[in-house]
Amino acid sequence: MHIGILRTDSVSPEWVPTYGEYPDMFERLLSAEDQALTFTTWNVEAGHFPDNVDAADGFLITGSKSSVYDDKDWIRTLEDFVRECHAAQRKVIGICFGHQLVAQALGGSVGKSPKGWGVGVNCYNVDRQAFDVADADQVCLLASHQDQVITAPPGAKRIAENAHCEVAGMALGDHILTFQGHPEFTPAYSREIMTFRREMIGERRVAQGLDSLEQRRHEGDRVARWMLAFFKR
């Protein structure tokens, strides 16, 4: 299987030697479950896009520090590409910013959460009737977001939620899957981000997020298996 990664941000240069760029994180995560996978990355933030929706078997949209409602040409072009994939029923997975971008592109809405930042390991209730590849009723994932999906697009099924983020995952047909959490993150990388953004996030919320790294297990590996099952079916 050939997965196209649509890169929407860059890792801070001082962290790249340790963690890699965001596509590297996804390649490590998914290849640990299937070593036969191949990948191509398009840096859409820099204006580089696939020639068409057939350039890969499926596409994965990464997280970003940008907001989907920012007035940036590459974001509008990415929305157009998502709509093309949707029309062709080409597989798309969106993570964090990607989750929000897909929602907005297909008619949903996105905004800043009135409940503040979601950071650290967050646990979500999973609707297994709406998302039949899930293997449990709950999943815990690292999160780092202030924006979130407010309303899902028409026809989308809400597949994950918690008290902080009511639309934490969506499925649309057999070809769209999104999550607000970050399966590709590691606890160490999450710690770096929270520490770096301490003033922005707020001391109390950062303390809670750091504590969650010790109290809950990040289950990115489980979500990786869900993602691959979705891509392959």
C-alpha atoms as a PDB file:
ATOM      1  CA  MET A   1       0.000   0.000   0.000  1.00  0.00           C
ATOM      2  CA  HIS A   2       1.209   3.470  -0.967  1.00  0.00           C
ATOM      3  CA  ILE A   3       0.235   6.226   1.489  1.00  0.00           C
ATOM      4  CA  GLY A   4       0.507   9.883   0.557  1.00  0.00           C
ATOM      5  CA  ILE A   5       1.347  12.159   3.487  1.00  0.00           C
ATOM      6  CA  LEU A   6       0.184  15.749   3.151  1.00  0.00           C
ATOM      7  CA  ARG A   7       2.554  17.705   5.385  1.00  0.00           C
ATOM      8  CA  THR A   8       1.041  20.854   6.855  1.00  0.00           C
ATOM      9  CA  ASP A   9       3.741  21.994   9.291  1.00  0.00           C
ATOM     10  CA  SER A  10       7.395  21.642  10.291  1.00  0.00           C
ATOM     11  CA  VAL A  11       8.857  20.434  13.577  1.00  0.00           C
ATOM     12  CA  SER A  12      10.998  22.989  15.424  1.00  0.00           C
ATOM     13  CA  PRO A  13      14.542  22.569  14.038  1.00  0.00           C
ATOM     14  CA  GLU A  14      16.094  21.767  17.429  1.00  0.00           C
ATOM     15  CA  TRP A  15      13.741  18.789  17.824  1.00  0.00           C
ATOM     16  CA  VAL A  16      14.166  17.285  14.353  1.00  0.00           C
ATOM     17  CA  PRO A  17      17.330  15.246  15.158  1.00  0.00           C
ATOM     18  CA  THR A  18      15.455  13.475  17.963  1.00  0.00           C
ATOM     19  CA  TYR A  19      11.904  13.189  16.645  1.00  0.00           C
ATOM     20  CA  GLY A  20      12.084  13.815  12.907  1.00  0.00           C
ATOM     21  CA  GLU A  21       9.505  15.761  10.918  1.00  0.00           C
ATOM     22  CA  TYR A  22       5.798  14.925  11.168  1.00  0.00           C
ATOM     23  CA  PRO A  23       5.840  12.583   8.158  1.00  0.00           C
ATOM     24  CA  ASP A  24       8.719  10.680   9.830  1.00  0.00           C
ATOM     25  CA  MET A  25       6.553  10.201  12.928  1.00  0.00           C
ATOM     26  CA  PHE A  26       3.707   8.754  10.866  1.00  0.00           C
ATOM     27  CA  GLU A  27       6.031   6.509   8.868  1.00  0.00           C
ATOM     28  CA  ARG A  28       7.495   5.076  12.089  1.00  0.00           C
ATOM     29  CA  LEU A  29       4.057   4.568  13.608  1.00  0.00           C
ATOM     30  CA  LEU A  30       2.483   2.849  10.613  1.00  0.00           C
ATOM     31  CA  SER A  31       5.540   0.873   9.481  1.00  0.00           C
ATOM     32  CA  ALA A  32       5.739  -0.705  12.941  1.00  0.00           C
ATOM     33  CA  GLU A  33       2.429  -2.370  12.054  1.00  0.00           C
ATOM     34  CA  ASP A  34       3.167  -3.122   8.374  1.00  0.00           C
ATOM     35  CA  GLN A  35       6.704  -2.986   7.005  1.00  0.00           C
ATOM     36  CA  ALA A  36       5.499  -3.338   3.408  1.00  0.00           C
ATOM     37  CA  LEU A  37       3.980   0.151   3.344  1.00  0.00           C
ATOM     38  CA  THR A  38       5.448   2.803   1.051  1.00  0.00           C
ATOM     39  CA  PHE A  39       5.108   6.564   1.483  1.00  0.00           C
ATOM     40  CA  THR A  40       5.351   9.774  -0.508  1.00  0.00           C
ATOM     41  CA  THR A  41       5.243  13.150   1.247  1.00  0.00           C
ATOM     42  CA  TRP A  42       3.922  16.335  -0.323  1.00  0.00           C
ATOM     43  CA  ASN A  43       4.738  19.515   1.613  1.00  0.00           C
ATOM     44  CA  VAL A  44       1.403  21.204   1.017  1.00  0.00           C
ATOM     45  CA  GLU A  45       2.271  24.041   3.407  1.00  0.00           C
ATOM     46  CA  ALA A  46       4.978  24.970   0.868  1.00  0.00           C
ATOM     47  CA  GLY A  47       2.481  24.678  -2.008  1.00  0.00           C
ATOM     48  CA  HIS A  48       3.415  21.179  -3.225  1.00  0.00           C
ATOM     49  CA  PHE A  49       0.378  18.989  -3.932  1.00  0.00           C
ATOM     50  CA  PRO A  50      -0.243  15.626  -5.622  1.00  0.00           C
ATOM     51  CA  ASP A  51      -1.031  15.908  -9.311  1.00  0.00           C
ATOM     52  CA  ASN A  52      -4.311  14.075  -8.787  1.00  0.00           C
ATOM     53  CA  VAL A  53      -6.222  11.925  -6.288  1.00  0.00           C
ATOM     54  CA  ASP A  54      -4.765   8.751  -7.816  1.00  0.00           C
ATOM     55  CA  ALA A  55      -1.199   9.645  -6.780  1.00  0.00           C
ATOM     56  CA  ALA A  56      -1.481   7.324  -3.743  1.00  0.00           C
ATOM     57  CA  ASP A  57      -3.800   4.604  -2.470  1.00  0.00           C
ATOM     58  CA  GLY A  58      -4.858   6.958   0.313  1.00  0.00           C
ATOM     59  CA  PHE A  59      -3.827  10.242   1.893  1.00  0.00           C
ATOM     60  CA  LEU A  60      -3.017  11.311   5.440  1.00  0.00           C
ATOM     61  CA  ILE A  61      -3.202  14.966   6.501  1.00  0.00           C
ATOM     62  CA  THR A  62      -0.904  15.882   9.392  1.00  0.00           C
ATOM     63  CA  GLY A  63      -1.320  18.279  12.306  1.00  0.00           C
ATOM     64  CA  SER A  64      -0.269  21.917  12.098  1.00  0.00           C
ATOM     65  CA  LYS A  65       0.168  25.039  14.191  1.00  0.00           C
ATOM     66  CA  SER A  66      -1.950  26.823  11.573  1.00  0.00           C
ATOM     67  CA  SER A  67      -5.699  27.130  12.024  1.00  0.00           C
ATOM     68  CA  VAL A  68      -7.936  25.859   9.244  1.00  0.00           C
ATOM     69  CA  TYR A  69      -9.721  29.246   9.127  1.00  0.00           C
ATOM     70  CA  ASP A  70      -6.445  31.146   8.550  1.00  0.00           C
ATOM     71  CA  ASP A  71      -6.393  33.087   5.288  1.00  0.00           C
ATOM     72  CA  LYS A  72      -3.700  31.038   3.553  1.00  0.00           C
ATOM     73  CA  ASP A  73      -3.748  29.929  -0.074  1.00  0.00           C
ATOM     74  CA  TRP A  74      -2.363  26.469   0.669  1.00  0.00           C
ATOM     75  CA  ILE A  75      -5.203  25.790   3.138  1.00  0.00           C
ATOM     76  CA  ARG A  76      -7.833  26.677   0.553  1.00  0.00           C
ATOM     77  CA  THR A  77      -6.066  24.469  -2.027  1.00  0.00           C
ATOM     78  CA  LEU A  78      -5.937  21.613   0.472  1.00  0.00           C
ATOM     79  CA  GLU A  79      -9.667  21.961   1.075  1.00  0.00           C
ATOM     80  CA  ASP A  80     -10.223  21.696  -2.679  1.00  0.00           C
ATOM     81  CA  PHE A  81      -8.088  18.550  -2.774  1.00  0.00           C
ATOM     82  CA  VAL A  82     -10.094  17.002   0.078  1.00  0.00           C
ATOM     83  CA  ARG A  83     -13.307  17.723  -1.790  1.00  0.00           C
ATOM     84  CA  GLU A  84     -11.837  16.053  -4.900  1.00  0.00           C
ATOM     85  CA  CYS A  85     -10.918  12.995  -2.826  1.00  0.00           C
ATOM     86  CA  HIS A  86     -14.406  12.934  -1.322  1.00  0.00           C
ATOM     87  CA  ALA A  87     -16.041  13.090  -4.759  1.00  0.00           C
ATOM     88  CA  ALA A  88     -13.812  10.253  -5.974  1.00  0.00           C
ATOM     89  CA  GLN A  89     -14.225   8.331  -2.678  1.00  0.00           C
ATOM     90  CA  ARG A  90     -10.452   8.256  -2.323  1.00  0.00           C
ATOM     91  CA  LYS A  91      -9.326   7.341   1.196  1.00  0.00           C
ATOM     92  CA  VAL A  92      -8.358  10.260   3.444  1.00  0.00           C
ATOM     93  CA  ILE A  93      -7.312  10.251   7.099  1.00  0.00           C
ATOM     94  CA  GLY A  94      -7.032  13.576   8.930  1.00  0.00           C
ATOM     95  CA  ILE A  95      -5.191  14.037  12.235  1.00  0.00           C
ATOM     96  CA  CYS A  96      -5.687  17.136  14.474  1.00  0.00           C
ATOM     97  CA  PHE A  97      -5.433  20.007  11.955  1.00  0.00           C
ATOM     98  CA  GLY A  98      -6.219  17.386   9.292  1.00  0.00           C
ATOM     99  CA  HIS A  99      -9.363  16.352  11.207  1.00  0.00           C
ATOM    100  CA  GLN A 100     -10.477  19.977  11.367  1.00  0.00           C
ATOM    101  CA  LEU A 101      -9.552  20.711   7.741  1.00  0.00           C
ATOM    102  CA  VAL A 102     -11.626  17.791   6.475  1.00  0.00           C
ATOM    103  CA  ALA A 103     -14.591  18.896   8.587  1.00  0.00           C
ATOM    104  CA  GLN A 104     -14.423  22.468   7.295  1.00  0.00           C
ATOM    105  CA  ALA A 105     -13.843  21.443   3.668  1.00  0.00           C
ATOM    106  CA  LEU A 106     -16.938  19.229   3.679  1.00  0.00           C
ATOM    107  CA  GLY A 107     -19.324  21.659   5.357  1.00  0.00           C
ATOM    108  CA  GLY A 108     -18.628  21.443   9.092  1.00  0.00           C
ATOM    109  CA  SER A 109     -17.348  24.205  11.347  1.00  0.00           C
ATOM    110  CA  VAL A 110     -14.198  24.715  13.424  1.00  0.00           C
ATOM    111  CA  GLY A 111     -13.372  27.155  16.221  1.00  0.00           C
ATOM    112  CA  LYS A 112     -11.429  27.643  19.421  1.00  0.00           C
ATOM    113  CA  SER A 113     -12.683  25.544  22.305  1.00  0.00           C
ATOM    114  CA  PRO A 114     -14.262  27.576  25.124  1.00  0.00           C
ATOM    115  CA  LYS A 115     -12.840  24.912  27.437  1.00  0.00           C
ATOM    116  CA  GLY A 116      -9.241  25.847  26.656  1.00  0.00           C
ATOM    117  CA  TRP A 117      -6.379  23.731  25.409  1.00  0.00           C
ATOM    118  CA  GLY A 118      -6.494  19.955  25.132  1.00  0.00           C
ATOM    119  CA  VAL A 119      -3.040  18.614  26.042  1.00  0.00           C
ATOM    120  CA  GLY A 120      -1.425  15.465  27.380  1.00  0.00           C
ATOM    121  CA  VAL A 121      -3.110  12.059  27.191  1.00  0.00           C
ATOM    122  CA  ASN A 122      -6.846  12.430  26.610  1.00  0.00           C
ATOM    123  CA  CYS A 123      -9.261   9.486  26.727  1.00  0.00           C
ATOM    124  CA  TYR A 124     -12.187   9.353  24.308  1.00  0.00           C
ATOM    125  CA  ASN A 125     -15.339   7.264  24.176  1.00  0.00           C
ATOM    126  CA  VAL A 126     -15.521   5.377  20.876  1.00  0.00           C
ATOM    127  CA  ASP A 127     -18.777   4.530  19.091  1.00  0.00           C
ATOM    128  CA  ARG A 128     -18.061   1.052  17.790  1.00  0.00           C
ATOM    129  CA  GLN A 129     -21.355   0.885  15.899  1.00  0.00           C
ATOM    130  CA  ALA A 130     -20.341   3.939  13.884  1.00  0.00           C
ATOM    131  CA  PHE A 131     -16.694   2.825  13.610  1.00  0.00           C
ATOM    132  CA  ASP A 132     -16.587  -0.909  13.124  1.00  0.00           C
ATOM    133  CA  VAL A 133     -12.794  -1.392  13.039  1.00  0.00           C
ATOM    134  CA  ALA A 134     -12.434  -0.155  16.641  1.00  0.00           C
ATOM    135  CA  ASP A 135     -11.488  -2.874  19.129  1.00  0.00           C
ATOM    136  CA  ALA A 136     -12.617  -1.120  22.337  1.00  0.00           C
ATOM    137  CA  ASP A 137     -15.115   1.425  23.648  1.00  0.00           C
ATOM    138  CA  GLN A 138     -12.415   3.881  24.703  1.00  0.00           C
ATOM    139  CA  VAL A 139      -9.045   5.030  23.416  1.00  0.00           C
ATOM    140  CA  CYS A 140      -6.413   7.329  24.965  1.00  0.00           C
ATOM    141  CA  LEU A 141      -4.320   9.573  22.730  1.00  0.00           C
ATOM    142  CA  LEU A 142      -1.920  12.455  23.120  1.00  0.00           C
ATOM    143  CA  ALA A 143      -3.488  15.759  22.190  1.00  0.00           C
ATOM    144  CA  SER A 144      -2.292  19.297  21.531  1.00  0.00           C
ATOM    145  CA  HIS A 145      -5.010  21.644  20.329  1.00  0.00           C
ATOM    146  CA  GLN A 146      -7.018  24.764  21.045  1.00  0.00           C
ATOM    147  CA  ASP A 147      -9.129  24.608  17.883  1.00  0.00           C
ATOM    148  CA  GLN A 148     -11.579  21.767  17.452  1.00  0.00           C
ATOM    149  CA  VAL A 149     -14.505  20.699  15.291  1.00  0.00           C
ATOM    150  CA  ILE A 150     -17.681  22.419  16.473  1.00  0.00           C
ATOM    151  CA  THR A 151     -20.089  20.788  14.026  1.00  0.00           C
ATOM    152  CA  ALA A 152     -19.397  17.745  11.878  1.00  0.00           C
ATOM    153  CA  PRO A 153     -20.070  17.957   8.134  1.00  0.00           C
ATOM    154  CA  PRO A 154     -23.326  16.574   6.689  1.00  0.00           C
ATOM    155  CA  GLY A 155     -23.334  12.780   6.572  1.00  0.00           C
ATOM    156  CA  ALA A 156     -20.373  12.340   8.930  1.00  0.00           C
ATOM    157  CA  LYS A 157     -20.654   9.976  11.887  1.00  0.00           C
ATOM    158  CA  ARG A 158     -19.152  11.082  15.176  1.00  0.00           C
ATOM    159  CA  ILE A 159     -16.983   8.168  16.281  1.00  0.00           C
ATOM    160  CA  ALA A 160     -15.091   9.584  19.282  1.00  0.00           C
ATOM    161  CA  GLU A 161     -15.859  12.156  21.980  1.00  0.00           C
ATOM    162  CA  ASN A 162     -15.132  13.271  25.517  1.00  0.00           C
ATOM    163  CA  ALA A 163     -16.243  16.093  27.782  1.00  0.00           C
ATOM    164  CA  HIS A 164     -13.629  18.483  26.397  1.00  0.00           C
ATOM    165  CA  CYS A 165     -13.961  17.641  22.709  1.00  0.00           C
ATOM    166  CA  GLU A 166     -17.383  16.519  21.540  1.00  0.00           C
ATOM    167  CA  VAL A 167     -16.285  15.739  17.965  1.00  0.00           C
ATOM    168  CA  ALA A 168     -12.958  13.996  18.522  1.00  0.00           C
ATOM    169  CA  GLY A 169     -13.285  11.631  15.602  1.00  0.00           C
ATOM    170  CA  MET A 170     -15.402  11.294  12.467  1.00  0.00           C
ATOM    171  CA  ALA A 171     -16.096   8.809   9.702  1.00  0.00           C
ATOM    172  CA  LEU A 172     -17.791   9.612   6.411  1.00  0.00           C
ATOM    173  CA  GLY A 173     -18.678   6.740   4.129  1.00  0.00           C
ATOM    174  CA  ASP A 174     -15.900   4.188   3.737  1.00  0.00           C
ATOM    175  CA  HIS A 175     -13.344   6.761   2.640  1.00  0.00           C
ATOM    176  CA  ILE A 176     -12.995   9.514   5.297  1.00  0.00           C
ATOM    177  CA  LEU A 177     -11.596   8.968   8.809  1.00  0.00           C
ATOM    178  CA  THR A 178     -10.381  11.650  11.214  1.00  0.00           C
ATOM    179  CA  PHE A 179      -9.112  12.012  14.791  1.00  0.00           C
ATOM    180  CA  GLN A 180      -8.427  15.057  16.926  1.00  0.00           C
ATOM    181  CA  GLY A 181      -5.743  13.217  18.924  1.00  0.00           C
ATOM    182  CA  HIS A 182      -2.209  12.474  17.725  1.00  0.00           C
ATOM    183  CA  PRO A 183      -1.421   8.754  17.374  1.00  0.00           C
ATOM    184  CA  GLU A 184       1.985   9.666  15.903  1.00  0.00           C
ATOM    185  CA  PHE A 185       3.167  11.643  18.952  1.00  0.00           C
ATOM    186  CA  THR A 186       5.260  10.148  21.730  1.00  0.00           C
ATOM    187  CA  PRO A 187       5.016  11.185  25.393  1.00  0.00           C
ATOM    188  CA  ALA A 188       8.486  12.722  25.145  1.00  0.00           C
ATOM    189  CA  TYR A 189       7.479  14.895  22.192  1.00  0.00           C
ATOM    190  CA  SER A 190       4.256  15.885  23.926  1.00  0.00           C
ATOM    191  CA  ARG A 191       6.282  16.956  26.946  1.00  0.00           C
ATOM    192  CA  GLU A 192       8.491  19.136  24.719  1.00  0.00           C
ATOM    193  CA  ILE A 193       5.477  20.886  23.190  1.00  0.00           C
ATOM    194  CA  MET A 194       3.730  21.511  26.492  1.00  0.00           C
ATOM    195  CA  THR A 195       6.886  22.892  28.044  1.00  0.00           C
ATOM    196  CA  PHE A 196       7.551  25.138  25.033  1.00  0.00           C
ATOM    197  CA  ARG A 197       3.957  26.439  25.001  1.00  0.00           C
ATOM    198  CA  ARG A 198       3.600  26.691  28.778  1.00  0.00           C
ATOM    199  CA  GLU A 199       2.731  30.400  28.777  1.00  0.00           C
ATOM    200  CA  MET A 200       0.312  30.030  25.859  1.00  0.00           C
ATOM    201  CA  ILE A 201      -1.473  26.987  27.292  1.00  0.00           C
ATOM    202  CA  GLY A 202      -1.490  28.074  30.918  1.00  0.00           C
ATOM    203  CA  GLU A 203       0.374  26.719  33.917  1.00  0.00           C
ATOM    204  CA  ARG A 204      -2.556  24.779  35.379  1.00  0.00           C
ATOM    205  CA  ARG A 205      -3.453  23.011  32.134  1.00  0.00           C
ATOM    206  CA  VAL A 206       0.197  22.171  31.425  1.00  0.00           C
ATOM    207  CA  ALA A 207       0.543  20.673  34.911  1.00  0.00           C
ATOM    208  CA  GLN A 208      -2.518  18.513  34.251  1.00  0.00           C
ATOM    209  CA  GLY A 209      -1.148  17.486  30.868  1.00  0.00           C
ATOM    210  CA  LEU A 210       2.247  16.540  32.259  1.00  0.00           C
ATOM    211  CA  ASP A 211       0.572  14.540  35.022  1.00  0.00           C
ATOM    212  CA  SER A 212      -1.486  12.644  32.428  1.00  0.00           C
ATOM    213  CA  LEU A 213       1.728  11.369  30.826  1.00  0.00           C
ATOM    214  CA  GLU A 214       2.381   9.436  34.034  1.00  0.00           C
ATOM    215  CA  GLN A 215      -1.214   8.378  34.740  1.00  0.00           C
ATOM    216  CA  ARG A 216      -2.478   7.201  31.336  1.00  0.00           C
ATOM    217  CA  ARG A 217      -1.022   5.161  28.486  1.00  0.00           C
ATOM    218  CA  HIS A 218      -0.955   6.728  25.037  1.00  0.00           C
ATOM    219  CA  GLU A 219      -2.452   4.191  22.591  1.00  0.00           C
ATOM    220  CA  GLY A 220      -1.116   5.390  19.277  1.00  0.00           C
ATOM    221  CA  ASP A 221      -0.285   1.836  18.260  1.00  0.00           C
ATOM    222  CA  ARG A 222      -3.943   0.790  18.522  1.00  0.00           C
ATOM    223  CA  VAL A 223      -5.078   3.740  16.436  1.00  0.00           C
ATOM    224  CA  ALA A 224      -2.369   2.927  13.873  1.00  0.00           C
ATOM    225  CA  ARG A 225      -3.956  -0.505  13.457  1.00  0.00           C
ATOM    226  CA  TRP A 226      -7.379   1.109  13.059  1.00  0.00           C
ATOM    227  CA  MET A 227      -5.986   3.473  10.447  1.00  0.00           C
ATOM    228  CA  LEU A 228      -4.426   0.670   8.426  1.00  0.00           C
ATOM    229  CA  ALA A 229      -7.560  -1.465   8.649  1.00  0.00           C
ATOM    230  CA  PHE A 230      -9.481   1.507   7.309  1.00  0.00           C
ATOM    231  CA  PHE A 231      -6.991   2.128   4.480  1.00  0.00           C
ATOM    232  CA  LYS A 232      -7.020  -1.528   3.441  1.00  0.00           C
ATOM    233  CA  ARG A 233     -10.718  -2.335   3.484  1.00  0.00           C
END
